[in-house]
Amino acid sequence: MTTAKDLFIIAMAPEHAVGQGDLSLALAGAELIDLVGAGAVVVDGDRIVPGGPPPDDPFLGAAAAGLSRQPPHERIEDWLWRRGRDLSAAYQAALEESGELTPRRRSRLSFGSEGLEPVDTPARRRAADRWNEKEPVLAALAAAVGIDGGRPDDGTGLGDEAVTSVVAAVHDAVMELEAVRQRRTIENAAFANVWRGP
């Protein structure tokens, strides 16, 4: 079980409406934090330096395999954008294939077009336990995508400089994505006004 999988399960709750782009960036950050914790990477300033072998998890293995092994190593923010591309869809597909997601019984759709929810499995219960215990890393990543439940998102309690750097980079990337969305909305509105004419 990984932090990214726990985060994905928490984000699937009906009361949480999380954009897939935001969630993908946070999932990439969660993977990086797990790689740091396993000693598979070292964060040196804002760079990701490969270390030992990754944990035995297909997503973490793929994340580690995609790391730049030549200096200058990749910046955290650049890696989040590259690794995060469509990552939430990949997690969704993997959990559906393993039977850990099922169609939601309610008519209200808050995630994706299919309305899925986690099956009651040990993995879901573990994610819920981490969430209910306000585990700092999971809470900070959730806060980055707008799931806060009253939890602070200032990085307090993370206890590790590398983890704090990754969480800060996730926050910055999500804010940058939101700025891009707002700019496109403004541009589209301006174009629509020009198209309609005076």
N, C-alpha and C. Protein backbone atom coordinates (compact mmCIF):
# COMPACT_ATOMS: atom_id res chain seq x y z
N MET A 1 0.84 -1.19 0.00
CA MET A 1 0.00 0.00 0.00
C MET A 1 0.88 1.24 0.00
N THR A 2 0.54 2.21 -0.83
CA THR A 2 1.36 3.41 -0.97
C THR A 2 0.56 4.66 -0.60
N THR A 3 1.29 5.73 -0.36
CA THR A 3 0.64 7.00 -0.06
C THR A 3 -0.23 7.45 -1.24
N ALA A 4 0.26 7.24 -2.46
CA ALA A 4 -0.51 7.63 -3.64
C ALA A 4 -1.83 6.87 -3.71
N LYS A 5 -1.79 5.58 -3.45
CA LYS A 5 -3.03 4.80 -3.50
C LYS A 5 -3.98 5.24 -2.39
N ASP A 6 -3.44 5.50 -1.21
CA ASP A 6 -4.28 6.01 -0.12
C ASP A 6 -4.92 7.35 -0.51
N LEU A 7 -4.13 8.23 -1.11
CA LEU A 7 -4.65 9.53 -1.52
C LEU A 7 -5.74 9.37 -2.57
N PHE A 8 -5.52 8.48 -3.53
CA PHE A 8 -6.53 8.26 -4.57
C PHE A 8 -7.84 7.77 -3.94
N ILE A 9 -7.74 6.84 -3.01
CA ILE A 9 -8.94 6.30 -2.35
C ILE A 9 -9.67 7.39 -1.59
N ILE A 10 -8.94 8.24 -0.87
CA ILE A 10 -9.56 9.35 -0.14
C ILE A 10 -10.25 10.31 -1.11
N ALA A 11 -9.60 10.59 -2.24
CA ALA A 11 -10.17 11.52 -3.22
C ALA A 11 -11.43 10.98 -3.87
N MET A 12 -11.62 9.66 -3.85
CA MET A 12 -12.80 9.05 -4.46
C MET A 12 -14.06 9.20 -3.61
N ALA A 13 -13.93 9.64 -2.37
CA ALA A 13 -15.10 9.78 -1.50
C ALA A 13 -16.11 10.71 -2.14
N PRO A 14 -17.41 10.40 -2.02
CA PRO A 14 -18.44 11.21 -2.69
C PRO A 14 -18.41 12.69 -2.33
N GLU A 15 -17.98 13.01 -1.11
CA GLU A 15 -17.98 14.41 -0.68
C GLU A 15 -16.80 15.21 -1.23
N HIS A 16 -15.88 14.54 -1.89
CA HIS A 16 -14.71 15.22 -2.44
C HIS A 16 -14.80 15.30 -3.96
N ALA A 17 -14.81 16.50 -4.48
CA ALA A 17 -14.79 16.71 -5.94
C ALA A 17 -13.42 17.23 -6.32
N VAL A 18 -12.57 16.33 -6.80
CA VAL A 18 -11.18 16.68 -7.10
C VAL A 18 -10.95 16.57 -8.60
N GLY A 19 -10.36 17.60 -9.18
CA GLY A 19 -10.02 17.56 -10.60
C GLY A 19 -8.94 16.53 -10.86
N GLN A 20 -9.03 15.86 -12.00
CA GLN A 20 -8.07 14.81 -12.30
C GLN A 20 -6.66 15.36 -12.49
N GLY A 21 -6.53 16.57 -13.04
CA GLY A 21 -5.21 17.17 -13.20
C GLY A 21 -4.56 17.45 -11.86
N ASP A 22 -5.32 18.05 -10.95
CA ASP A 22 -4.81 18.32 -9.60
C ASP A 22 -4.41 17.02 -8.91
N LEU A 23 -5.30 16.03 -9.00
CA LEU A 23 -5.04 14.76 -8.33
C LEU A 23 -3.82 14.07 -8.93
N SER A 24 -3.65 14.15 -10.24
CA SER A 24 -2.48 13.53 -10.87
C SER A 24 -1.18 14.12 -10.35
N LEU A 25 -1.13 15.44 -10.19
CA LEU A 25 0.06 16.08 -9.65
C LEU A 25 0.32 15.62 -8.22
N ALA A 26 -0.73 15.55 -7.40
CA ALA A 26 -0.57 15.12 -6.01
C ALA A 26 -0.17 13.64 -5.92
N LEU A 27 -0.69 12.82 -6.83
CA LEU A 27 -0.30 11.40 -6.85
C LEU A 27 1.18 11.26 -7.18
N ALA A 28 1.67 12.06 -8.13
CA ALA A 28 3.09 12.03 -8.47
C ALA A 28 3.92 12.44 -7.26
N GLY A 29 3.46 13.46 -6.52
CA GLY A 29 4.14 13.87 -5.30
C GLY A 29 4.14 12.78 -4.25
N ALA A 30 3.00 12.09 -4.11
CA ALA A 30 2.91 11.00 -3.14
C ALA A 30 3.87 9.87 -3.49
N GLU A 31 3.97 9.57 -4.78
CA GLU A 31 4.92 8.54 -5.21
C GLU A 31 6.35 8.95 -4.87
N LEU A 32 6.67 10.20 -5.13
CA LEU A 32 8.03 10.69 -4.85
C LEU A 32 8.33 10.60 -3.35
N ILE A 33 7.37 10.95 -2.52
CA ILE A 33 7.55 10.86 -1.08
C ILE A 33 7.79 9.41 -0.65
N ASP A 34 7.05 8.48 -1.23
CA ASP A 34 7.28 7.07 -0.90
C ASP A 34 8.65 6.60 -1.38
N LEU A 35 9.09 7.09 -2.53
CA LEU A 35 10.43 6.74 -3.03
C LEU A 35 11.52 7.30 -2.11
N VAL A 36 11.31 8.51 -1.60
CA VAL A 36 12.24 9.09 -0.63
C VAL A 36 12.27 8.23 0.63
N GLY A 37 11.09 7.86 1.11
CA GLY A 37 11.00 7.06 2.33
C GLY A 37 11.66 5.70 2.19
N ALA A 38 11.65 5.16 0.99
CA ALA A 38 12.25 3.84 0.74
C ALA A 38 13.74 3.93 0.41
N GLY A 39 14.27 5.14 0.32
CA GLY A 39 15.67 5.31 -0.03
C GLY A 39 15.96 5.14 -1.51
N ALA A 40 14.89 5.10 -2.33
CA ALA A 40 15.07 4.93 -3.77
C ALA A 40 15.48 6.23 -4.45
N VAL A 41 15.22 7.36 -3.80
CA VAL A 41 15.67 8.66 -4.30
C VAL A 41 16.10 9.52 -3.11
N VAL A 42 16.88 10.54 -3.43
CA VAL A 42 17.27 11.55 -2.46
C VAL A 42 16.90 12.89 -3.07
N VAL A 43 16.32 13.77 -2.27
CA VAL A 43 16.03 15.12 -2.74
C VAL A 43 17.19 16.01 -2.33
N ASP A 44 17.85 16.59 -3.32
CA ASP A 44 18.99 17.46 -3.10
C ASP A 44 18.60 18.85 -3.57
N GLY A 45 18.19 19.70 -2.63
CA GLY A 45 17.65 21.01 -2.99
C GLY A 45 16.32 20.81 -3.68
N ASP A 46 16.26 21.19 -4.97
CA ASP A 46 15.03 20.98 -5.73
C ASP A 46 15.21 19.89 -6.78
N ARG A 47 16.27 19.09 -6.64
CA ARG A 47 16.58 18.03 -7.61
C ARG A 47 16.32 16.65 -7.02
N ILE A 48 15.97 15.71 -7.91
CA ILE A 48 15.70 14.32 -7.51
C ILE A 48 16.88 13.47 -7.96
N VAL A 49 17.59 12.89 -6.99
CA VAL A 49 18.77 12.07 -7.29
C VAL A 49 18.41 10.61 -7.02
N PRO A 50 18.50 9.74 -8.03
CA PRO A 50 18.20 8.33 -7.82
C PRO A 50 19.11 7.71 -6.76
N GLY A 51 18.53 6.78 -5.99
CA GLY A 51 19.29 6.11 -4.94
C GLY A 51 19.22 4.61 -5.10
N GLY A 52 18.71 3.93 -4.08
CA GLY A 52 18.61 2.47 -4.10
C GLY A 52 17.43 1.98 -4.91
N PRO A 53 17.17 0.66 -4.83
CA PRO A 53 16.05 0.09 -5.58
C PRO A 53 14.70 0.55 -5.03
N PRO A 54 13.68 0.66 -5.89
CA PRO A 54 12.35 1.10 -5.44
C PRO A 54 11.64 -0.02 -4.69
N PRO A 55 10.60 0.31 -3.93
CA PRO A 55 9.79 -0.71 -3.28
C PRO A 55 9.11 -1.60 -4.32
N ASP A 56 8.63 -2.74 -3.89
CA ASP A 56 7.98 -3.70 -4.79
C ASP A 56 6.53 -3.27 -5.02
N ASP A 57 6.37 -2.28 -5.87
CA ASP A 57 5.05 -1.76 -6.24
C ASP A 57 5.14 -1.33 -7.69
N PRO A 58 4.19 -1.75 -8.55
CA PRO A 58 4.32 -1.43 -9.97
C PRO A 58 4.37 0.07 -10.28
N PHE A 59 3.57 0.86 -9.58
CA PHE A 59 3.57 2.31 -9.84
C PHE A 59 4.88 2.94 -9.38
N LEU A 60 5.35 2.56 -8.19
CA LEU A 60 6.60 3.12 -7.70
C LEU A 60 7.78 2.64 -8.55
N GLY A 61 7.70 1.41 -9.03
CA GLY A 61 8.74 0.91 -9.93
C GLY A 61 8.79 1.71 -11.22
N ALA A 62 7.61 2.00 -11.78
CA ALA A 62 7.55 2.81 -13.02
C ALA A 62 8.04 4.22 -12.76
N ALA A 63 7.68 4.78 -11.59
CA ALA A 63 8.13 6.13 -11.25
C ALA A 63 9.65 6.18 -11.14
N ALA A 64 10.23 5.19 -10.47
CA ALA A 64 11.69 5.15 -10.30
C ALA A 64 12.39 4.93 -11.64
N ALA A 65 11.80 4.11 -12.48
CA ALA A 65 12.41 3.82 -13.79
C ALA A 65 12.44 5.06 -14.67
N GLY A 66 11.54 5.99 -14.45
CA GLY A 66 11.47 7.19 -15.27
C GLY A 66 12.35 8.33 -14.79
N LEU A 67 13.11 8.11 -13.72
CA LEU A 67 13.95 9.17 -13.17
C LEU A 67 15.16 9.43 -14.07
N SER A 68 15.56 10.68 -14.13
CA SER A 68 16.77 11.05 -14.86
C SER A 68 17.98 10.61 -14.03
N ARG A 69 18.83 9.81 -14.62
CA ARG A 69 19.98 9.26 -13.89
C ARG A 69 21.26 10.06 -14.12
N GLN A 70 21.22 11.03 -15.02
CA GLN A 70 22.40 11.82 -15.33
C GLN A 70 22.27 13.22 -14.74
N PRO A 71 23.34 13.74 -14.14
CA PRO A 71 23.28 15.12 -13.66
C PRO A 71 23.27 16.09 -14.84
N PRO A 72 22.67 17.27 -14.75
CA PRO A 72 21.92 17.68 -13.56
C PRO A 72 20.59 16.94 -13.50
N HIS A 73 20.28 16.45 -12.34
CA HIS A 73 19.06 15.65 -12.19
C HIS A 73 17.82 16.54 -12.31
N GLU A 74 16.70 15.89 -12.54
CA GLU A 74 15.44 16.60 -12.80
C GLU A 74 14.96 17.35 -11.57
N ARG A 75 14.38 18.52 -11.83
CA ARG A 75 13.77 19.30 -10.75
C ARG A 75 12.47 18.63 -10.31
N ILE A 76 12.14 18.78 -9.03
CA ILE A 76 10.92 18.16 -8.49
C ILE A 76 9.70 18.60 -9.29
N GLU A 77 9.58 19.91 -9.52
CA GLU A 77 8.39 20.41 -10.20
C GLU A 77 8.27 19.85 -11.62
N ASP A 78 9.40 19.79 -12.33
CA ASP A 78 9.37 19.24 -13.69
C ASP A 78 8.95 17.77 -13.67
N TRP A 79 9.46 17.04 -12.69
CA TRP A 79 9.13 15.61 -12.58
C TRP A 79 7.64 15.43 -12.26
N LEU A 80 7.09 16.29 -11.39
CA LEU A 80 5.66 16.20 -11.06
C LEU A 80 4.80 16.34 -12.31
N TRP A 81 5.15 17.32 -13.16
CA TRP A 81 4.37 17.53 -14.38
C TRP A 81 4.51 16.36 -15.34
N ARG A 82 5.73 15.84 -15.47
CA ARG A 82 5.96 14.74 -16.41
C ARG A 82 5.34 13.44 -15.89
N ARG A 83 5.62 13.10 -14.66
CA ARG A 83 5.10 11.85 -14.10
C ARG A 83 3.59 11.94 -13.88
N GLY A 84 3.10 13.13 -13.56
CA GLY A 84 1.69 13.29 -13.25
C GLY A 84 0.75 13.23 -14.44
N ARG A 85 1.28 13.26 -15.65
CA ARG A 85 0.41 13.27 -16.83
C ARG A 85 -0.48 12.03 -16.83
N ASP A 86 -1.79 12.25 -16.69
CA ASP A 86 -2.81 11.18 -16.72
C ASP A 86 -2.61 10.12 -15.64
N LEU A 87 -1.93 10.48 -14.55
CA LEU A 87 -1.64 9.49 -13.51
C LEU A 87 -2.90 9.07 -12.76
N SER A 88 -3.84 9.99 -12.53
CA SER A 88 -5.07 9.60 -11.82
C SER A 88 -5.86 8.59 -12.65
N ALA A 89 -5.87 8.75 -13.97
CA ALA A 89 -6.57 7.79 -14.83
C ALA A 89 -5.89 6.42 -14.75
N ALA A 90 -4.56 6.40 -14.65
CA ALA A 90 -3.84 5.12 -14.55
C ALA A 90 -4.17 4.42 -13.23
N TYR A 91 -4.22 5.19 -12.13
CA TYR A 91 -4.60 4.60 -10.84
C TYR A 91 -6.03 4.08 -10.89
N GLN A 92 -6.93 4.86 -11.51
CA GLN A 92 -8.32 4.42 -11.60
C GLN A 92 -8.42 3.11 -12.38
N ALA A 93 -7.73 3.03 -13.50
CA ALA A 93 -7.78 1.81 -14.31
C ALA A 93 -7.23 0.62 -13.54
N ALA A 94 -6.12 0.82 -12.82
CA ALA A 94 -5.52 -0.28 -12.06
C ALA A 94 -6.45 -0.76 -10.94
N LEU A 95 -7.09 0.18 -10.26
CA LEU A 95 -7.99 -0.21 -9.16
C LEU A 95 -9.27 -0.85 -9.69
N GLU A 96 -9.74 -0.40 -10.84
CA GLU A 96 -10.90 -1.06 -11.45
C GLU A 96 -10.55 -2.49 -11.84
N GLU A 97 -9.37 -2.66 -12.45
CA GLU A 97 -8.96 -3.98 -12.90
C GLU A 97 -8.80 -4.95 -11.73
N SER A 98 -8.32 -4.44 -10.59
CA SER A 98 -8.13 -5.30 -9.43
C SER A 98 -9.41 -5.49 -8.62
N GLY A 99 -10.51 -4.86 -9.05
CA GLY A 99 -11.78 -5.01 -8.35
C GLY A 99 -11.91 -4.15 -7.11
N GLU A 100 -11.03 -3.16 -6.96
CA GLU A 100 -11.07 -2.30 -5.78
C GLU A 100 -11.95 -1.07 -5.96
N LEU A 101 -12.45 -0.86 -7.18
CA LEU A 101 -13.42 0.20 -7.46
C LEU A 101 -14.65 -0.43 -8.06
N THR A 102 -15.79 0.12 -7.70
CA THR A 102 -17.07 -0.37 -8.22
C THR A 102 -17.95 0.81 -8.57
N PRO A 103 -18.91 0.64 -9.49
CA PRO A 103 -19.81 1.75 -9.80
C PRO A 103 -20.55 2.22 -8.55
N ARG A 104 -20.62 3.53 -8.39
CA ARG A 104 -21.30 4.10 -7.23
C ARG A 104 -22.79 3.85 -7.32
N ARG A 105 -23.39 3.55 -6.19
CA ARG A 105 -24.83 3.26 -6.15
C ARG A 105 -25.68 4.52 -6.23
N ARG A 106 -25.09 5.64 -5.81
CA ARG A 106 -25.85 6.90 -5.82
C ARG A 106 -25.88 7.49 -7.23
N SER A 107 -26.85 8.36 -7.44
CA SER A 107 -26.94 9.00 -8.76
C SER A 107 -26.01 10.20 -8.87
N ARG A 108 -25.58 10.74 -7.74
CA ARG A 108 -24.70 11.91 -7.77
C ARG A 108 -23.30 11.49 -8.20
N LEU A 109 -22.81 12.11 -9.26
CA LEU A 109 -21.48 11.79 -9.76
C LEU A 109 -20.52 12.89 -9.37
N SER A 110 -19.52 12.56 -8.56
CA SER A 110 -18.59 13.59 -8.14
C SER A 110 -17.17 13.34 -8.64
N PHE A 111 -16.93 12.20 -9.26
CA PHE A 111 -15.58 11.93 -9.75
C PHE A 111 -15.67 11.24 -11.09
N GLY A 112 -15.06 11.83 -12.09
CA GLY A 112 -15.04 11.20 -13.40
C GLY A 112 -16.43 11.07 -13.98
N SER A 113 -16.52 10.36 -15.08
CA SER A 113 -17.80 10.24 -15.75
C SER A 113 -18.53 8.97 -15.34
N GLU A 114 -17.84 8.05 -14.66
CA GLU A 114 -18.46 6.78 -14.36
C GLU A 114 -19.05 6.69 -12.97
N GLY A 115 -18.68 7.58 -12.06
CA GLY A 115 -19.21 7.52 -10.72
C GLY A 115 -18.77 6.26 -10.00
N LEU A 116 -17.50 6.17 -9.65
CA LEU A 116 -16.95 4.99 -9.00
C LEU A 116 -16.71 5.26 -7.53
N GLU A 117 -16.68 4.18 -6.74
CA GLU A 117 -16.33 4.29 -5.34
C GLU A 117 -15.48 3.10 -4.92
N PRO A 118 -14.62 3.28 -3.90
CA PRO A 118 -13.79 2.18 -3.44
C PRO A 118 -14.63 1.07 -2.81
N VAL A 119 -14.24 -0.15 -3.07
CA VAL A 119 -14.84 -1.32 -2.43
C VAL A 119 -14.30 -1.39 -1.01
N ASP A 120 -15.07 -1.94 -0.10
CA ASP A 120 -14.62 -2.07 1.28
C ASP A 120 -13.57 -3.17 1.37
N THR A 121 -12.32 -2.78 1.24
CA THR A 121 -11.19 -3.71 1.29
C THR A 121 -10.25 -3.28 2.41
N PRO A 122 -9.29 -4.13 2.76
CA PRO A 122 -8.29 -3.69 3.75
C PRO A 122 -7.55 -2.43 3.31
N ALA A 123 -7.32 -2.29 1.99
CA ALA A 123 -6.64 -1.10 1.48
C ALA A 123 -7.47 0.15 1.72
N ARG A 124 -8.78 0.06 1.48
CA ARG A 124 -9.65 1.22 1.72
C ARG A 124 -9.70 1.56 3.20
N ARG A 125 -9.78 0.53 4.04
CA ARG A 125 -9.82 0.77 5.49
C ARG A 125 -8.52 1.39 5.99
N ARG A 126 -7.40 0.93 5.41
CA ARG A 126 -6.11 1.50 5.81
C ARG A 126 -6.04 2.98 5.42
N ALA A 127 -6.48 3.30 4.20
CA ALA A 127 -6.49 4.71 3.76
C ALA A 127 -7.38 5.54 4.68
N ALA A 128 -8.55 5.01 5.03
CA ALA A 128 -9.47 5.73 5.92
C ALA A 128 -8.85 5.91 7.30
N ASP A 129 -8.14 4.90 7.78
CA ASP A 129 -7.48 5.02 9.09
C ASP A 129 -6.42 6.11 9.06
N ARG A 130 -5.61 6.15 8.01
CA ARG A 130 -4.58 7.20 7.90
C ARG A 130 -5.24 8.57 7.85
N TRP A 131 -6.35 8.66 7.13
CA TRP A 131 -7.06 9.94 7.01
C TRP A 131 -7.65 10.36 8.36
N ASN A 132 -8.30 9.43 9.04
CA ASN A 132 -8.92 9.74 10.32
C ASN A 132 -7.89 10.07 11.40
N GLU A 133 -6.71 9.49 11.27
CA GLU A 133 -5.63 9.78 12.22
C GLU A 133 -4.90 11.08 11.87
N LYS A 134 -5.33 11.72 10.79
CA LYS A 134 -4.72 12.98 10.33
C LYS A 134 -3.23 12.81 10.08
N GLU A 135 -2.87 11.72 9.43
CA GLU A 135 -1.47 11.45 9.09
C GLU A 135 -0.95 12.65 8.29
N PRO A 136 0.14 13.29 8.74
CA PRO A 136 0.53 14.60 8.17
C PRO A 136 0.79 14.60 6.67
N VAL A 137 1.48 13.60 6.14
CA VAL A 137 1.81 13.61 4.71
C VAL A 137 0.54 13.47 3.88
N LEU A 138 -0.32 12.52 4.23
CA LEU A 138 -1.57 12.32 3.49
C LEU A 138 -2.44 13.57 3.59
N ALA A 139 -2.52 14.16 4.79
CA ALA A 139 -3.33 15.37 4.97
C ALA A 139 -2.80 16.53 4.15
N ALA A 140 -1.47 16.68 4.10
CA ALA A 140 -0.88 17.79 3.35
C ALA A 140 -1.11 17.64 1.86
N LEU A 141 -0.97 16.42 1.34
CA LEU A 141 -1.21 16.20 -0.09
C LEU A 141 -2.69 16.38 -0.42
N ALA A 142 -3.56 15.92 0.46
CA ALA A 142 -5.00 16.10 0.23
C ALA A 142 -5.35 17.59 0.23
N ALA A 143 -4.75 18.34 1.15
CA ALA A 143 -5.01 19.78 1.22
C ALA A 143 -4.58 20.47 -0.08
N ALA A 144 -3.53 19.97 -0.70
CA ALA A 144 -3.04 20.57 -1.95
C ALA A 144 -4.07 20.49 -3.05
N VAL A 145 -4.96 19.50 -3.01
CA VAL A 145 -5.98 19.35 -4.05
C VAL A 145 -7.36 19.78 -3.55
N GLY A 146 -7.38 20.48 -2.41
CA GLY A 146 -8.63 21.04 -1.93
C GLY A 146 -9.41 20.16 -0.97
N ILE A 147 -8.82 19.05 -0.53
CA ILE A 147 -9.47 18.21 0.48
C ILE A 147 -8.76 18.51 1.78
N ASP A 148 -9.39 19.33 2.63
CA ASP A 148 -8.66 19.67 3.83
C ASP A 148 -9.31 19.18 5.11
N GLY A 149 -10.61 19.12 5.15
CA GLY A 149 -11.26 18.64 6.37
C GLY A 149 -10.78 19.37 7.61
N GLY A 150 -10.41 20.65 7.45
CA GLY A 150 -9.93 21.40 8.59
C GLY A 150 -8.48 21.14 8.93
N ARG A 151 -7.77 20.45 8.07
CA ARG A 151 -6.37 20.12 8.34
C ARG A 151 -5.47 21.24 7.84
N PRO A 152 -4.39 21.54 8.58
CA PRO A 152 -3.48 22.59 8.11
C PRO A 152 -2.73 22.13 6.88
N ASP A 153 -2.44 23.07 5.98
CA ASP A 153 -1.68 22.72 4.78
C ASP A 153 -0.34 23.47 4.74
N ASP A 154 0.13 23.87 5.91
CA ASP A 154 1.37 24.66 5.95
C ASP A 154 2.62 23.81 6.08
N GLY A 155 2.47 22.49 6.02
CA GLY A 155 3.64 21.62 6.09
C GLY A 155 4.08 21.29 7.49
N THR A 156 3.37 21.78 8.49
CA THR A 156 3.76 21.45 9.85
C THR A 156 3.55 19.97 10.11
N GLY A 157 4.47 19.39 10.83
CA GLY A 157 4.34 17.99 11.20
C GLY A 157 4.87 17.02 10.18
N LEU A 158 5.41 17.51 9.06
CA LEU A 158 5.92 16.59 8.04
C LEU A 158 7.24 15.98 8.48
N GLY A 159 8.02 16.72 9.26
CA GLY A 159 9.19 16.18 9.91
C GLY A 159 10.38 15.84 9.03
N ASP A 160 10.34 16.16 7.76
CA ASP A 160 11.45 15.82 6.87
C ASP A 160 11.55 16.90 5.82
N GLU A 161 12.76 17.41 5.63
CA GLU A 161 12.95 18.51 4.68
C GLU A 161 12.61 18.09 3.25
N ALA A 162 12.96 16.86 2.87
CA ALA A 162 12.67 16.38 1.52
C ALA A 162 11.16 16.29 1.29
N VAL A 163 10.45 15.74 2.27
CA VAL A 163 8.99 15.62 2.16
C VAL A 163 8.36 17.00 2.09
N THR A 164 8.83 17.91 2.91
CA THR A 164 8.31 19.28 2.90
C THR A 164 8.52 19.93 1.52
N SER A 165 9.69 19.70 0.93
CA SER A 165 9.99 20.25 -0.41
C SER A 165 9.03 19.68 -1.46
N VAL A 166 8.75 18.38 -1.38
CA VAL A 166 7.86 17.76 -2.36
C VAL A 166 6.44 18.29 -2.19
N VAL A 167 5.97 18.38 -0.94
CA VAL A 167 4.61 18.89 -0.71
C VAL A 167 4.49 20.33 -1.19
N ALA A 168 5.51 21.14 -0.94
CA ALA A 168 5.49 22.53 -1.41
C ALA A 168 5.45 22.58 -2.94
N ALA A 169 6.21 21.70 -3.60
CA ALA A 169 6.20 21.66 -5.06
C ALA A 169 4.84 21.24 -5.60
N VAL A 170 4.18 20.31 -4.91
CA VAL A 170 2.82 19.90 -5.32
C VAL A 170 1.87 21.08 -5.21
N HIS A 171 1.93 21.81 -4.10
CA HIS A 171 1.08 22.99 -3.92
C HIS A 171 1.31 23.99 -5.05
N ASP A 172 2.58 24.27 -5.36
CA ASP A 172 2.91 25.23 -6.42
C ASP A 172 2.38 24.76 -7.77
N ALA A 173 2.54 23.46 -8.07
CA ALA A 173 2.09 22.93 -9.36
C ALA A 173 0.58 23.00 -9.49
N VAL A 174 -0.13 22.69 -8.41
CA VAL A 174 -1.60 22.76 -8.44
C VAL A 174 -2.06 24.21 -8.64
N MET A 175 -1.40 25.14 -7.97
CA MET A 175 -1.75 26.56 -8.15
C MET A 175 -1.46 27.01 -9.58
N GLU A 176 -0.35 26.54 -10.13
CA GLU A 176 -0.02 26.88 -11.52
C GLU A 176 -1.07 26.32 -12.48
N LEU A 177 -1.52 25.10 -12.23
CA LEU A 177 -2.57 24.50 -13.07
C LEU A 177 -3.86 25.30 -12.98
N GLU A 178 -4.20 25.75 -11.79
CA GLU A 178 -5.41 26.57 -11.62
C GLU A 178 -5.27 27.89 -12.36
N ALA A 179 -4.08 28.49 -12.32
CA ALA A 179 -3.86 29.75 -13.04
C ALA A 179 -4.03 29.55 -14.54
N VAL A 180 -3.55 28.42 -15.06
CA VAL A 180 -3.72 28.11 -16.49
C VAL A 180 -5.20 27.98 -16.81
N ARG A 181 -5.96 27.27 -15.94
CA ARG A 181 -7.41 27.12 -16.17
C ARG A 181 -8.09 28.49 -16.21
N GLN A 182 -7.76 29.36 -15.25
CA GLN A 182 -8.40 30.67 -15.20
C GLN A 182 -8.06 31.49 -16.44
N ARG A 183 -6.80 31.41 -16.87
CA ARG A 183 -6.38 32.16 -18.06
C ARG A 183 -7.16 31.67 -19.29
N ARG A 184 -7.32 30.35 -19.41
CA ARG A 184 -8.08 29.81 -20.55
C ARG A 184 -9.54 30.24 -20.49
N THR A 185 -10.11 30.26 -19.29
CA THR A 185 -11.51 30.69 -19.15
C THR A 185 -11.67 32.13 -19.60
N ILE A 186 -10.73 32.99 -19.19
CA ILE A 186 -10.78 34.40 -19.58
C ILE A 186 -10.61 34.55 -21.09
N GLU A 187 -9.63 33.81 -21.64
CA GLU A 187 -9.40 33.88 -23.10
C GLU A 187 -10.61 33.38 -23.88
N ASN A 188 -11.23 32.30 -23.40
CA ASN A 188 -12.42 31.77 -24.09
C ASN A 188 -13.59 32.73 -24.01
N ALA A 189 -13.74 33.38 -22.84
CA ALA A 189 -14.82 34.36 -22.70
C ALA A 189 -14.58 35.55 -23.62
N ALA A 190 -13.32 36.00 -23.70
CA ALA A 190 -13.00 37.13 -24.58
C ALA A 190 -13.25 36.76 -26.04
N PHE A 191 -12.87 35.56 -26.43
CA PHE A 191 -13.10 35.11 -27.80
C PHE A 191 -14.60 35.03 -28.10
N ALA A 192 -15.36 34.52 -27.13
CA ALA A 192 -16.82 34.42 -27.32
C ALA A 192 -17.43 35.80 -27.51
N ASN A 193 -16.93 36.80 -26.75
CA ASN A 193 -17.45 38.17 -26.88
C ASN A 193 -17.11 38.74 -28.25
N VAL A 194 -15.90 38.49 -28.73
CA VAL A 194 -15.51 38.98 -30.05
C VAL A 194 -16.36 38.30 -31.13
N TRP A 195 -16.58 37.02 -30.96
CA TRP A 195 -17.36 36.25 -31.93
C TRP A 195 -18.80 36.76 -32.02
N ARG A 196 -19.39 37.10 -30.87
CA ARG A 196 -20.75 37.61 -30.86
C ARG A 196 -20.85 39.00 -31.47
N GLY A 197 -19.76 39.76 -31.31
CA GLY A 197 -19.76 41.11 -31.86
C GLY A 197 -20.45 42.09 -30.94
N PRO A 198 -20.46 43.34 -31.34
CA PRO A 198 -21.07 44.38 -30.51
C PRO A 198 -22.58 44.24 -30.43
